[in-house]
Protein backbone atom coordinates (compact mmCIF):
# COMPACT_ATOMS: atom_id res chain seq x y z
CA UNK A 1 156.47 4.38 -83.53
CA UNK A 2 156.23 5.25 -79.47
CA UNK A 3 152.70 4.68 -78.11
CA UNK A 4 150.57 6.40 -75.40
CA UNK A 5 148.78 4.45 -72.40
CA UNK A 6 145.76 5.26 -74.38
CA UNK A 7 146.91 3.35 -77.53
CA UNK A 8 147.82 0.13 -75.35
CA UNK A 9 144.52 0.18 -73.75
CA UNK A 10 142.54 0.46 -76.95
CA UNK A 11 144.86 -2.08 -78.87
CA UNK A 12 144.06 -4.47 -76.07
CA UNK A 13 140.44 -4.20 -76.12
CA UNK A 14 140.43 -4.37 -79.99
CA UNK A 15 142.38 -7.57 -79.68
CA UNK A 16 139.93 -9.29 -77.23
CA UNK A 17 136.96 -8.22 -79.50
CA UNK A 18 135.58 -5.13 -77.86
CA UNK A 19 133.43 -3.56 -80.04
CA UNK A 20 131.98 -0.65 -78.25
CA UNK A 21 132.68 2.14 -75.39
CA UNK A 22 129.70 3.61 -73.75
CA UNK A 23 130.15 6.96 -72.46
CA UNK A 24 130.18 10.68 -72.13
CA UNK A 25 132.85 12.49 -73.16
CA UNK A 26 134.80 15.15 -71.09
CA UNK A 27 138.10 16.67 -70.82
CA UNK A 28 140.11 13.91 -68.89
CA UNK A 29 138.84 11.65 -71.33
CA UNK A 30 139.99 13.31 -74.48
CA UNK A 31 143.53 11.24 -74.74
CA UNK A 32 141.38 8.26 -74.96
CA UNK A 33 138.90 9.50 -77.01
CA UNK A 34 141.41 10.51 -79.58
CA UNK A 35 142.93 6.83 -79.88
CA UNK A 36 139.11 5.42 -80.15
CA UNK A 37 138.46 7.93 -82.97
CA UNK A 38 141.41 6.31 -84.84
CA UNK A 39 140.42 2.59 -83.87
CA UNK A 40 137.73 -0.06 -85.16
CA UNK A 41 135.69 0.56 -81.83
CA UNK A 42 132.74 2.38 -81.67
CA UNK A 43 132.24 5.27 -79.45
CA UNK A 44 128.41 5.03 -78.47
CA UNK A 45 127.79 8.77 -76.61
CA UNK A 46 125.08 8.42 -74.24
CA UNK A 47 122.94 10.81 -72.35
CA UNK A 48 123.86 10.24 -69.03
CA UNK A 49 126.62 7.98 -67.54
CA UNK A 50 124.57 5.40 -66.07
CA UNK A 51 122.94 4.51 -69.29
CA UNK A 52 126.50 3.87 -70.27
CA UNK A 53 126.77 1.49 -67.49
CA UNK A 54 123.64 -0.15 -68.07
CA UNK A 55 124.23 -0.46 -71.84
CA UNK A 56 127.62 -2.17 -71.05
CA UNK A 57 125.94 -4.59 -68.52
CA UNK A 58 123.32 -5.67 -71.18
CA UNK A 59 125.79 -6.18 -73.77
CA UNK A 60 127.94 -8.47 -71.16
CA UNK A 61 124.89 -10.34 -70.13
CA UNK A 62 123.84 -11.16 -73.45
CA UNK A 63 127.44 -12.19 -74.89
CA UNK A 64 129.24 -13.22 -71.75
CA UNK A 65 132.30 -11.04 -73.03
CA UNK A 66 133.77 -8.01 -71.89
CA UNK A 67 132.02 -4.57 -72.02
CA UNK A 68 132.94 -1.30 -71.60
CA UNK A 69 132.05 1.92 -70.16
CA UNK A 70 133.55 5.12 -69.27
CA UNK A 71 132.98 8.21 -67.60
CA UNK A 72 134.80 11.80 -67.01
CA UNK A 73 136.47 13.25 -63.92
CA UNK A 74 134.60 13.33 -60.56
CA UNK A 75 130.78 13.43 -61.14
CA UNK A 76 131.00 11.86 -64.68
CA UNK A 77 132.23 8.70 -63.09
CA UNK A 78 130.10 8.76 -60.06
CA UNK A 79 127.50 8.46 -62.44
CA UNK A 80 128.59 5.18 -63.47
CA UNK A 81 128.26 3.37 -60.10
CA UNK A 82 124.46 2.84 -59.96
CA UNK A 83 124.52 1.07 -63.42
CA UNK A 84 127.67 -0.92 -62.72
CA UNK A 85 125.66 -2.87 -59.97
CA UNK A 86 123.58 -4.19 -62.77
CA UNK A 87 126.76 -6.01 -63.75
CA UNK A 88 128.18 -6.74 -60.79
CA UNK A 89 124.98 -8.46 -59.42
CA UNK A 90 124.11 -10.49 -62.74
CA UNK A 91 127.88 -11.77 -62.97
CA UNK A 92 128.77 -9.86 -66.31
CA UNK A 93 132.18 -8.96 -67.51
CA UNK A 94 132.22 -5.21 -67.49
CA UNK A 95 135.54 -2.60 -67.47
CA UNK A 96 134.70 0.86 -66.17
CA UNK A 97 136.96 3.65 -67.00
CA UNK A 98 137.14 6.73 -64.86
CA UNK A 99 138.66 9.72 -66.23
CA UNK A 100 140.83 11.61 -63.58
CA UNK A 101 142.59 14.84 -63.47
CA UNK A 102 146.43 15.16 -63.97
CA UNK A 103 148.36 13.82 -61.23
CA UNK A 104 149.96 17.07 -60.23
CA UNK A 105 146.72 18.10 -58.92
CA UNK A 106 145.98 15.35 -56.62
CA UNK A 107 145.54 16.30 -53.12
CA UNK A 108 144.96 19.79 -53.28
CA UNK A 109 141.20 19.53 -52.78
CA UNK A 110 140.60 20.70 -56.77
CA UNK A 111 137.23 21.03 -58.84
CA UNK A 112 135.40 17.62 -59.22
CA UNK A 113 138.09 15.87 -56.97
CA UNK A 114 137.20 12.10 -55.96
CA UNK A 115 138.89 9.34 -54.76
CA UNK A 116 137.56 6.84 -57.41
CA UNK A 117 139.31 3.58 -56.19
CA UNK A 118 137.40 4.18 -53.03
CA UNK A 119 134.11 5.07 -54.55
CA UNK A 120 134.13 2.01 -57.19
CA UNK A 121 135.32 -0.70 -54.27
CA UNK A 122 131.96 -2.12 -53.49
CA UNK A 123 130.71 -2.58 -56.85
CA UNK A 124 134.38 -3.69 -58.20
CA UNK A 125 136.03 -7.06 -58.16
CA UNK A 126 139.44 -5.19 -59.21
CA UNK A 127 139.73 -1.41 -58.90
CA UNK A 128 143.02 0.74 -59.51
CA UNK A 129 144.77 3.91 -60.72
CA UNK A 130 147.07 3.74 -63.27
CA UNK A 131 149.76 5.97 -61.94
CA UNK A 132 152.70 5.56 -64.53
CA UNK A 133 152.85 4.79 -68.22
CA UNK A 134 155.18 1.78 -67.14
CA UNK A 135 152.50 0.25 -64.84
CA UNK A 136 149.89 0.54 -67.62
CA UNK A 137 150.35 -2.61 -69.47
CA UNK A 138 150.33 -4.90 -66.38
CA UNK A 139 147.09 -3.25 -64.44
CA UNK A 140 145.18 -3.11 -67.59
CA UNK A 141 145.55 -7.21 -68.21
CA UNK A 142 145.19 -7.43 -64.36
CA UNK A 143 141.62 -5.59 -64.73
CA UNK A 144 140.26 -7.42 -67.82
CA UNK A 145 141.46 -10.64 -66.24
CA UNK A 146 139.67 -9.88 -62.94
CA UNK A 147 136.56 -8.92 -64.65
CA UNK A 148 136.36 -12.21 -66.56
CA UNK A 149 137.19 -14.37 -63.47
CA UNK A 150 134.59 -12.99 -61.22
CA UNK A 151 132.75 -12.56 -63.61
CA UNK A 152 131.83 -8.99 -62.92
CA UNK A 153 133.17 -5.39 -62.99
CA UNK A 154 136.94 -4.20 -62.86
CA UNK A 155 137.44 -0.77 -62.57
CA UNK A 156 140.48 1.67 -63.77
CA UNK A 157 141.16 5.41 -63.04
CA UNK A 158 142.89 7.17 -65.59
CA UNK A 159 144.73 10.38 -64.93
CA UNK A 160 144.82 12.81 -67.85
CA UNK A 161 148.36 13.14 -68.12
CA UNK A 162 149.12 9.28 -67.28
CA UNK A 163 147.02 7.97 -70.54
CA UNK A 164 148.50 10.92 -72.85
CA UNK A 165 152.17 9.66 -71.67
CA UNK A 166 154.54 7.45 -73.71
CA UNK A 167 154.86 4.08 -73.12
CA UNK A 168 156.71 1.02 -73.67
CA UNK A 169 155.46 -2.55 -74.61
CA UNK A 170 151.87 -3.64 -74.79
CA UNK A 171 149.44 -5.78 -72.91
CA UNK A 172 150.90 -8.96 -71.92
CA UNK A 173 149.39 -12.27 -72.42
CA UNK A 174 146.34 -11.25 -74.47
CA UNK A 175 145.50 -14.98 -75.17
CA UNK A 176 144.49 -15.67 -71.78
CA UNK A 177 141.74 -12.80 -71.22
CA UNK A 178 138.76 -14.95 -71.79
CA UNK A 179 135.65 -16.07 -70.32
CA UNK A 180 136.04 -18.82 -67.50
CA UNK A 181 136.08 -22.50 -68.74
CA UNK A 182 133.99 -25.24 -67.73
CA UNK A 183 134.49 -26.57 -64.22
CA UNK A 184 134.27 -30.58 -64.32
CA UNK A 185 132.57 -32.32 -60.88
CA UNK A 186 134.25 -35.04 -59.10
CA UNK A 187 133.51 -38.62 -59.87
CA UNK A 188 132.50 -39.16 -56.23
CA UNK A 189 129.80 -36.29 -56.56
CA UNK A 190 128.58 -37.60 -59.76
CA UNK A 191 128.20 -41.24 -58.15
CA UNK A 192 126.56 -39.84 -55.13
CA UNK A 193 124.15 -37.79 -57.18
CA UNK A 194 123.28 -40.99 -59.46
CA UNK A 195 122.85 -42.94 -56.34
CA UNK A 196 120.46 -40.36 -54.70
CA UNK A 197 118.23 -39.95 -58.14
CA UNK A 198 118.05 -43.80 -58.08
CA UNK A 199 116.20 -43.75 -54.64
CA UNK A 200 113.60 -40.72 -55.43
CA UNK A 201 110.49 -41.18 -56.95
CA UNK A 202 109.28 -37.59 -57.76
CA UNK A 203 111.93 -35.49 -59.28
CA UNK A 204 111.66 -31.81 -60.31
CA UNK A 205 114.67 -30.07 -62.23
CA UNK A 206 114.97 -26.35 -61.39
CA UNK A 207 116.87 -24.70 -64.41
CA UNK A 208 118.68 -21.39 -64.03
CA UNK A 209 121.03 -19.32 -66.17
CA UNK A 210 123.67 -21.72 -65.40
CA UNK A 211 121.96 -24.21 -67.94
CA UNK A 212 122.45 -22.26 -70.98
CA UNK A 213 124.26 -24.07 -73.79
CA UNK A 214 123.08 -27.54 -72.05
CA UNK A 215 119.22 -27.53 -73.21
CA UNK A 216 119.73 -30.93 -75.02
CA UNK A 217 120.96 -32.55 -72.04
CA UNK A 218 118.39 -31.14 -69.60
CA UNK A 219 115.63 -32.51 -72.06
CA UNK A 220 117.33 -36.18 -71.96
CA UNK A 221 117.44 -36.27 -68.18
CA UNK A 222 113.82 -34.95 -68.00
CA UNK A 223 113.03 -37.61 -70.30
CA UNK A 224 114.85 -40.24 -68.47
CA UNK A 225 113.91 -39.44 -64.92
CA UNK A 226 110.11 -38.52 -65.80
CA UNK A 227 111.34 -35.36 -64.04
CA UNK A 228 109.52 -31.97 -65.03
CA UNK A 229 111.50 -29.07 -65.89
CA UNK A 230 111.07 -25.80 -64.12
CA UNK A 231 112.80 -22.56 -64.50
CA UNK A 232 113.92 -19.32 -62.59
CA UNK A 233 113.04 -15.97 -64.55
CA UNK A 234 116.70 -15.95 -66.02
CA UNK A 235 116.36 -19.45 -67.22
CA UNK A 236 112.50 -18.92 -68.98
CA UNK A 237 114.28 -18.65 -72.05
CA UNK A 238 116.07 -21.74 -72.32
CA UNK A 239 113.06 -23.78 -73.86
CA UNK A 240 109.60 -22.90 -75.83
CA UNK A 241 106.99 -21.92 -73.58
CA UNK A 242 105.20 -25.17 -75.10
CA UNK A 243 107.70 -27.77 -74.92
CA UNK A 244 105.57 -30.17 -72.67
CA UNK A 245 108.74 -30.85 -70.39
CA UNK A 246 108.86 -26.91 -69.48
CA UNK A 247 106.20 -26.57 -66.55
CA UNK A 248 106.74 -22.78 -65.73
CA UNK A 249 108.73 -20.88 -63.06
CA UNK A 250 108.78 -20.51 -59.37
CA UNK A 251 107.68 -17.97 -57.02
CA UNK A 252 105.96 -14.54 -58.00
CA UNK A 253 107.05 -15.17 -61.65
CA UNK A 254 105.83 -18.45 -61.74
CA UNK A 255 102.70 -20.83 -61.61
CA UNK A 256 101.13 -22.60 -58.96
CA UNK A 257 101.51 -25.99 -60.75
CA UNK A 258 105.30 -25.42 -60.27
CA UNK A 259 104.82 -24.50 -56.63
CA UNK A 260 102.77 -27.75 -55.58
CA UNK A 261 105.34 -29.76 -57.54
CA UNK A 262 108.35 -28.31 -55.94
CA UNK A 263 106.58 -28.93 -52.58
CA UNK A 264 105.19 -32.26 -53.15
CA UNK A 265 108.36 -33.77 -54.81
CA UNK A 266 111.04 -36.04 -53.06
CA UNK A 267 114.00 -34.60 -54.59
CA UNK A 268 114.64 -31.10 -56.20
CA UNK A 269 117.89 -30.92 -58.46
CA UNK A 270 118.74 -27.02 -58.29
CA UNK A 271 120.81 -27.01 -61.78
CA UNK A 272 122.90 -23.82 -62.38
CA UNK A 273 120.64 -21.65 -60.58
CA UNK A 274 121.29 -19.74 -56.53
CA UNK A 275 117.62 -18.92 -56.70
CA UNK A 276 117.06 -16.43 -53.84
CA UNK A 277 113.76 -16.75 -52.64
CA UNK A 278 113.92 -19.36 -49.86
CA UNK A 279 110.29 -19.06 -49.04
CA UNK A 280 109.27 -20.81 -52.25
CA UNK A 281 111.74 -23.80 -51.74
CA UNK A 282 111.07 -26.96 -49.98
CA UNK A 283 111.79 -27.95 -46.25
CA UNK A 284 110.71 -31.30 -46.20
CA UNK A 285 112.36 -32.81 -49.72
CA UNK A 286 115.91 -33.66 -50.54
CA UNK A 287 117.58 -30.72 -52.27
CA UNK A 288 120.59 -31.03 -54.43
CA UNK A 289 122.49 -28.21 -55.99
CA UNK A 290 124.69 -28.18 -58.81
CA UNK A 291 126.64 -24.86 -59.54
CA UNK A 292 130.30 -24.00 -60.91
CA UNK A 293 130.50 -21.22 -58.05
CA UNK A 294 131.15 -23.39 -54.71
CA UNK A 295 130.32 -20.23 -52.70
CA UNK A 296 126.68 -20.50 -53.66
CA UNK A 297 126.23 -24.31 -52.83
CA UNK A 298 123.59 -24.79 -49.76
CA UNK A 299 123.22 -20.94 -49.03
CA UNK A 300 119.43 -20.78 -49.97
CA UNK A 301 117.91 -24.04 -48.63
CA UNK A 302 119.06 -27.03 -46.47
CA UNK A 303 120.98 -29.12 -49.03
CA UNK A 304 121.82 -32.54 -48.88
CA UNK A 305 124.33 -32.30 -51.54
CA UNK A 306 126.30 -29.42 -53.49
CA UNK A 307 128.22 -30.32 -56.62
CA UNK A 308 131.00 -27.96 -57.71
CA UNK A 309 130.69 -28.24 -61.42
CA UNK A 310 129.49 -26.70 -64.60
CA UNK A 311 126.05 -27.72 -65.89
CA UNK A 312 127.12 -29.41 -69.18
CA UNK A 313 130.08 -31.67 -68.27
CA UNK A 314 127.92 -32.71 -65.03
CA UNK A 315 124.94 -33.71 -66.80
CA UNK A 316 126.79 -35.50 -69.44
CA UNK A 317 128.51 -37.80 -66.76
CA UNK A 318 125.28 -38.10 -64.92
CA UNK A 319 123.31 -39.43 -67.98
CA UNK A 320 125.47 -42.49 -68.45
CA UNK A 321 124.95 -43.38 -64.53
CA UNK A 322 121.33 -43.21 -64.24
CA UNK A 323 118.43 -45.63 -65.44
CA UNK A 324 115.21 -45.17 -67.29
CA UNK A 325 112.30 -44.24 -64.99
CA UNK A 326 108.80 -45.42 -65.92
CA UNK A 327 106.30 -44.03 -63.55
CA UNK A 328 104.52 -41.06 -65.05
CA UNK A 329 101.92 -40.44 -62.25
CA UNK A 330 103.80 -37.12 -60.65
CA UNK A 331 104.57 -36.06 -64.32
CA UNK A 332 101.16 -36.16 -65.40
CA UNK A 333 99.84 -34.31 -62.07
CA UNK A 334 102.01 -31.59 -62.85
CA UNK A 335 101.16 -31.63 -66.48
CA UNK A 336 97.46 -31.38 -65.70
CA UNK A 337 98.12 -28.33 -63.43
CA UNK A 338 100.27 -26.70 -65.99
CA UNK A 339 97.58 -26.64 -68.72
CA UNK A 340 94.79 -25.14 -65.91
CA UNK A 341 97.08 -22.46 -65.38
CA UNK A 342 97.86 -21.89 -68.80
CA UNK A 343 94.53 -21.35 -69.75
CA UNK A 344 93.71 -19.07 -66.95
CA UNK A 345 97.05 -17.21 -68.41
CA UNK A 346 95.34 -17.18 -71.64
CA UNK A 347 91.93 -15.86 -70.69
CA UNK A 348 93.48 -13.04 -68.57
CA UNK A 349 95.62 -11.75 -71.61
CA UNK A 350 92.47 -11.97 -73.93
CA UNK A 351 92.66 -8.56 -75.39
CA UNK A 352 88.71 -8.63 -75.76
CA UNK A 353 88.59 -8.77 -71.71
CA UNK A 354 87.35 -5.51 -71.41
CA UNK A 355 85.38 -3.25 -73.94
CA UNK A 356 87.05 0.13 -72.99
CA UNK A 357 90.20 -0.79 -70.83
CA UNK A 358 93.90 -2.50 -71.46
CA UNK A 359 94.89 -5.06 -69.19
CA UNK A 360 98.60 -5.13 -68.76
CA UNK A 361 98.64 -8.76 -69.38
CA UNK A 362 97.04 -8.44 -72.82
CA UNK A 363 100.36 -5.75 -73.70
CA UNK A 364 102.74 -8.76 -72.68
CA UNK A 365 100.98 -10.82 -74.70
CA UNK A 366 100.65 -8.93 -77.88
CA UNK A 367 104.28 -8.09 -77.65
CA UNK A 368 105.18 -11.71 -77.09
CA UNK A 369 102.81 -12.91 -80.02
CA UNK A 370 104.19 -10.11 -82.61
CA UNK A 371 107.56 -10.49 -81.71
CA UNK A 372 110.15 -11.73 -84.22
CA UNK A 373 111.23 -15.83 -83.39
CA UNK A 374 114.76 -14.37 -82.21
CA UNK A 375 113.97 -11.07 -80.36
CA UNK A 376 115.79 -10.14 -77.33
CA UNK A 377 113.21 -8.71 -74.65
CA UNK A 378 114.73 -6.84 -72.03
CA UNK A 379 112.58 -6.34 -68.85
CA UNK A 380 112.53 -3.42 -66.40
CA UNK A 381 111.82 -3.72 -62.48
CA UNK A 382 108.68 -3.22 -60.79
CA UNK A 383 104.85 -4.47 -61.14
CA UNK A 384 105.59 -4.52 -65.04
CA UNK A 385 108.26 -7.25 -64.47
CA UNK A 386 105.39 -9.66 -63.45
CA UNK A 387 103.23 -8.83 -66.48
CA UNK A 388 106.25 -9.65 -68.96
CA UNK A 389 107.61 -12.43 -67.35
CA UNK A 390 104.38 -14.24 -66.73
CA UNK A 391 102.97 -13.64 -70.00
CA UNK A 392 105.73 -13.74 -72.80
CA UNK A 393 105.34 -16.87 -74.43
CA UNK A 394 108.98 -17.25 -75.73
CA UNK A 395 109.95 -19.36 -78.65
CA UNK A 396 113.32 -20.86 -77.20
CA UNK A 397 115.21 -18.93 -80.01
CA UNK A 398 114.67 -15.65 -77.98
CA UNK A 399 116.31 -14.26 -74.99
CA UNK A 400 115.03 -12.33 -71.93
CA UNK A 401 117.08 -10.18 -69.73
CA UNK A 402 116.41 -8.06 -67.02
CA UNK A 403 117.54 -6.89 -63.61
CA UNK A 404 116.84 -9.94 -61.72
CA UNK A 405 119.45 -9.97 -59.09
CA UNK A 406 120.31 -6.41 -58.79
CA UNK A 407 116.17 -5.40 -59.24
CA UNK A 408 116.88 -2.12 -60.00
CA UNK A 409 114.28 0.19 -61.38
CA UNK A 410 114.53 1.89 -64.80
CA UNK A 411 117.40 -0.30 -66.39
CA UNK A 412 115.47 -1.70 -69.60
CA UNK A 413 116.33 1.13 -72.14
CA UNK A 414 119.83 1.02 -71.45
CA UNK A 415 120.50 -2.25 -71.53
CA UNK A 416 118.47 -2.87 -74.51
CA UNK A 417 120.45 -0.05 -76.32
CA UNK A 418 123.81 -1.73 -75.21
CA UNK A 419 122.33 -5.01 -76.81
CA UNK A 420 121.21 -3.02 -80.03
CA UNK A 421 124.58 -1.95 -80.77
CA UNK A 422 125.89 -5.64 -81.16
CA UNK A 423 123.23 -6.35 -84.03
CA UNK A 424 121.06 -3.30 -85.11
CA UNK A 425 119.03 -5.84 -87.26
CA UNK A 426 118.31 -7.73 -84.66
CA UNK A 427 114.85 -7.17 -82.68
CA UNK A 428 115.45 -5.61 -79.36
CA UNK A 429 112.34 -4.98 -77.13
CA UNK A 430 112.30 -2.96 -73.93
CA UNK A 431 109.26 -3.56 -71.61
CA UNK A 432 109.14 -1.07 -68.81
CA UNK A 433 106.87 0.50 -66.15
CA UNK A 434 106.59 4.24 -66.90
CA UNK A 435 108.07 5.09 -63.38
CA UNK A 436 111.18 3.33 -64.64
CA UNK A 437 111.23 4.82 -68.30
CA UNK A 438 111.06 8.26 -66.51
CA UNK A 439 114.19 7.45 -64.91
CA UNK A 440 116.52 7.55 -67.66
CA UNK A 441 114.05 8.60 -70.76
CA UNK A 442 117.11 10.68 -72.18
CA UNK A 443 118.51 7.13 -73.17
CA UNK A 444 115.86 7.30 -75.91
CA UNK A 445 117.84 10.09 -77.33
CA UNK A 446 120.86 7.93 -77.21
CA UNK A 447 118.49 5.36 -79.41
CA UNK A 448 117.68 7.84 -81.72
CA UNK A 449 121.46 9.15 -82.10
CA UNK A 450 123.06 6.19 -82.66
CA UNK A 451 120.53 4.40 -84.91
CA UNK A 452 119.49 1.69 -82.20
CA UNK A 453 115.88 0.53 -83.40
CA UNK A 454 114.98 -0.33 -79.83
CA UNK A 455 111.29 -0.68 -79.50
CA UNK A 456 110.31 0.74 -76.18
CA UNK A 457 106.61 -0.88 -74.70
CA UNK A 458 105.31 1.37 -71.42
CA UNK A 459 102.65 0.09 -69.08
CA UNK A 460 101.47 3.28 -68.58
CA UNK A 461 99.28 3.27 -65.18
CA UNK A 462 100.56 6.48 -63.71
CA UNK A 463 102.03 5.00 -60.38
CA UNK A 464 104.69 2.84 -59.00
CA UNK A 465 102.24 -0.16 -59.35
CA UNK A 466 104.87 -2.53 -57.32
CA UNK A 467 104.96 -0.30 -54.11
CA UNK A 468 101.11 -0.20 -54.09
CA UNK A 469 100.99 -4.19 -53.98
CA UNK A 470 103.93 -4.38 -51.58
CA UNK A 471 102.15 -2.08 -49.05
CA UNK A 472 98.85 -3.78 -49.25
CA UNK A 473 100.37 -7.15 -48.91
CA UNK A 474 101.57 -6.24 -45.52
CA UNK A 475 98.26 -4.36 -44.52
CA UNK A 476 99.09 -0.77 -45.05
CA UNK A 477 97.19 1.77 -46.84
CA UNK A 478 99.25 2.74 -50.25
CA UNK A 479 100.75 6.37 -49.75
CA UNK A 480 98.94 7.59 -53.04
CA UNK A 481 100.89 11.04 -53.02
CA UNK A 482 104.14 9.42 -52.92
CA UNK A 483 103.27 6.48 -55.50
CA UNK A 484 101.01 8.26 -57.95
CA UNK A 485 102.19 10.92 -60.63
CA UNK A 486 101.64 12.57 -64.17
CA UNK A 487 102.99 11.74 -67.06
CA UNK A 488 104.12 13.24 -70.48
CA UNK A 489 102.69 11.79 -73.77
CA UNK A 490 105.61 9.44 -74.29
CA UNK A 491 104.21 8.73 -78.13
CA UNK A 492 104.75 12.46 -78.47
CA UNK A 493 107.94 12.89 -76.60
CA UNK A 494 109.30 9.82 -79.05
CA UNK A 495 108.55 12.08 -81.93
CA UNK A 496 110.06 15.09 -80.37
CA UNK A 497 113.27 13.10 -80.22
CA UNK A 498 113.38 11.91 -83.41
CA UNK A 499 111.93 8.63 -83.27
CA UNK A 500 108.30 6.86 -83.48
CA UNK A 501 105.61 6.97 -81.32
CA UNK A 502 102.36 5.18 -80.91
CA UNK A 503 99.67 5.52 -78.28
CA UNK A 504 97.17 3.00 -77.27
CA UNK A 505 94.33 3.76 -74.94
CA UNK A 506 92.02 1.32 -75.84
CA UNK A 507 91.89 -2.45 -76.52
CA UNK A 508 91.28 -2.07 -80.19
CA UNK A 509 94.24 0.34 -80.23
CA UNK A 510 96.93 -1.98 -78.72
CA UNK A 511 97.55 -4.39 -81.80
CA UNK A 512 97.71 -1.76 -84.42
CA UNK A 513 100.37 0.33 -82.23
CA UNK A 514 102.59 -2.79 -81.59
CA UNK A 515 102.30 -3.79 -85.03
CA UNK A 516 103.58 -0.34 -86.48
CA UNK A 517 106.20 -0.16 -84.04
CA UNK A 518 107.93 -3.52 -84.79
CA UNK A 519 107.50 -2.77 -88.51
CA UNK A 520 108.85 0.75 -88.74
CA UNK A 521 112.70 1.33 -88.96
CA UNK A 522 114.25 2.89 -85.96
CA UNK A 523 113.55 3.58 -82.45
CA UNK A 524 109.98 3.60 -81.31
CA UNK A 525 107.75 3.95 -78.33
CA UNK A 526 104.24 2.25 -77.62
CA UNK A 527 102.43 4.05 -74.92
CA UNK A 528 99.84 1.81 -73.33
CA UNK A 529 97.68 2.84 -70.96
CA UNK A 530 96.80 -0.03 -68.51
CA UNK A 531 94.51 -0.14 -65.81
CA UNK A 532 96.19 0.39 -62.25
CA UNK A 533 94.45 -1.69 -60.19
CA UNK A 534 94.92 -5.19 -61.64
CA UNK A 535 96.15 -7.57 -59.11
CA UNK A 536 98.92 -10.06 -60.31
CA UNK A 537 98.83 -13.96 -59.57
CA UNK A 538 99.91 -14.99 -56.55
CA UNK A 539 100.97 -18.85 -56.97
CA UNK A 540 101.43 -18.97 -53.17
CA UNK A 541 99.35 -16.74 -50.79
CA UNK A 542 98.85 -17.54 -47.32
CA UNK A 543 96.09 -16.90 -45.04
CA UNK A 544 98.14 -14.08 -43.27
CA UNK A 545 98.62 -12.21 -46.60
CA UNK A 546 95.10 -12.53 -47.68
CA UNK A 547 94.32 -10.92 -44.54
CA UNK A 548 96.87 -8.07 -45.03
CA UNK A 549 95.36 -7.43 -48.54
CA UNK A 550 91.68 -7.58 -46.89
CA UNK A 551 92.51 -5.04 -44.43
CA UNK A 552 94.61 -2.66 -46.71
CA UNK A 553 91.43 -2.45 -49.12
CA UNK A 554 89.14 -1.85 -46.02
CA UNK A 555 91.26 0.96 -44.90
CA UNK A 556 91.48 2.41 -48.04
CA UNK A 557 87.52 2.43 -48.46
CA UNK A 558 87.02 4.03 -45.07
CA UNK A 559 89.79 6.53 -46.03
CA UNK A 560 88.11 7.16 -49.20
CA UNK A 561 84.82 8.21 -47.38
CA UNK A 562 86.29 9.91 -44.38
CA UNK A 563 89.03 11.89 -46.14
CA UNK A 564 91.41 11.21 -43.07
């Protein structure tokens, strides 16, 4: 039986294990949708195409395998672009499909005309229009291969007449379309790494997302070298929060104990991370970086040795070359500071800290303590990221994802929907600020429509909290008319959408709201009203920044009196 281009595309996606296509249907996609309707792939109809791209990004991040999103001609596909940056910046393999008008209308300034291959060029590793049916099998293969090779985004434009046209053959070499394999470091690099480790007394191992699947080796090397393990935010979930080796994070999502350890160590091993905040990295210590992406080596801080290799095979080789260290003085110092910092976090998260106000730390801690041991936390961007990432106490079997490279507001709910579609019985929790939730709140309807039981926790302070912090950190008065805003009743909104909604305005209401939301079958929102002037912990604050905060507060006080 002859096949159409749409048949060939959907068949290839089925064969490589794609389970969902996230998109909004439109006339140019009808030939594709008709094939999907008869396939094993589930079409998840979203309320906004950016939500489709976010869902695909979240799914690809959590699995490492190809996820797919689609938008129809012109504006429909244009809406995908913002969400696709989430996959591009976090190196997640996503295939984006753009419907397009029939070829006979190209070049005539027809309604909804765009040039998708130009529009998607910045966000995509590969972008191409399938112009003929004969071209389709090879181009589809090339697009999927490019998404995996990056990994990142590949994009195909599908003119309506082409995807409906009859085609010969199928996508070739399907067995080659898979995630990248591990890269083995050179013997010379491993030998030099071992030599430098032997010479160092105070070693810190910084663990990023590239360490996933290598936890046992990290722990063994840490024990052998008496080297504290620290993490980036993308690596936070690798180990339980209370593992004695796991000292905390670096930077704003981090601890003073870790910052001091990094600045005092002789040798910092950056393992599977391209940590971008150079101001938190040492200038006097020796830095060695291990990563399977050669292009990231040495670009954040002066690096003595860059090792191009995947984490697991590199650490396997290294463990056989380094001797046991016995001096625990540095380890003990870091551990003691870590205990003090953890005690402070616990005090700040105490739900009884205030009689009538909810502190945002208490929200994060309540969610963390009540979540299932294998829950997936999806964090949005903003001040809420600091509350969630610093106060969640992960189990080591949970996952934490967010917009950690793209740092885009409004990304949590869409990503959570994509992840929840993979397994509707696993607990997926989206933690977001009110500003972020407002941006794509329609995606809660997507959750209800497709029975995606996502739990949404909203830090409701009626403002863009991080913008306030950023302004004050440079001595400026926050622009309240632009920062503050009214909100709807999010709990009532959830119920109006067909989901479940719970309100927490006082401390004694918080735990009950979270418990009910987590126990209910179906999507739910917890609207937690939190105080708006809470300051996050700053593990490293220099005198200039302190002066800026003080100046900003003085200016705010004067303006409150003068009205100027």
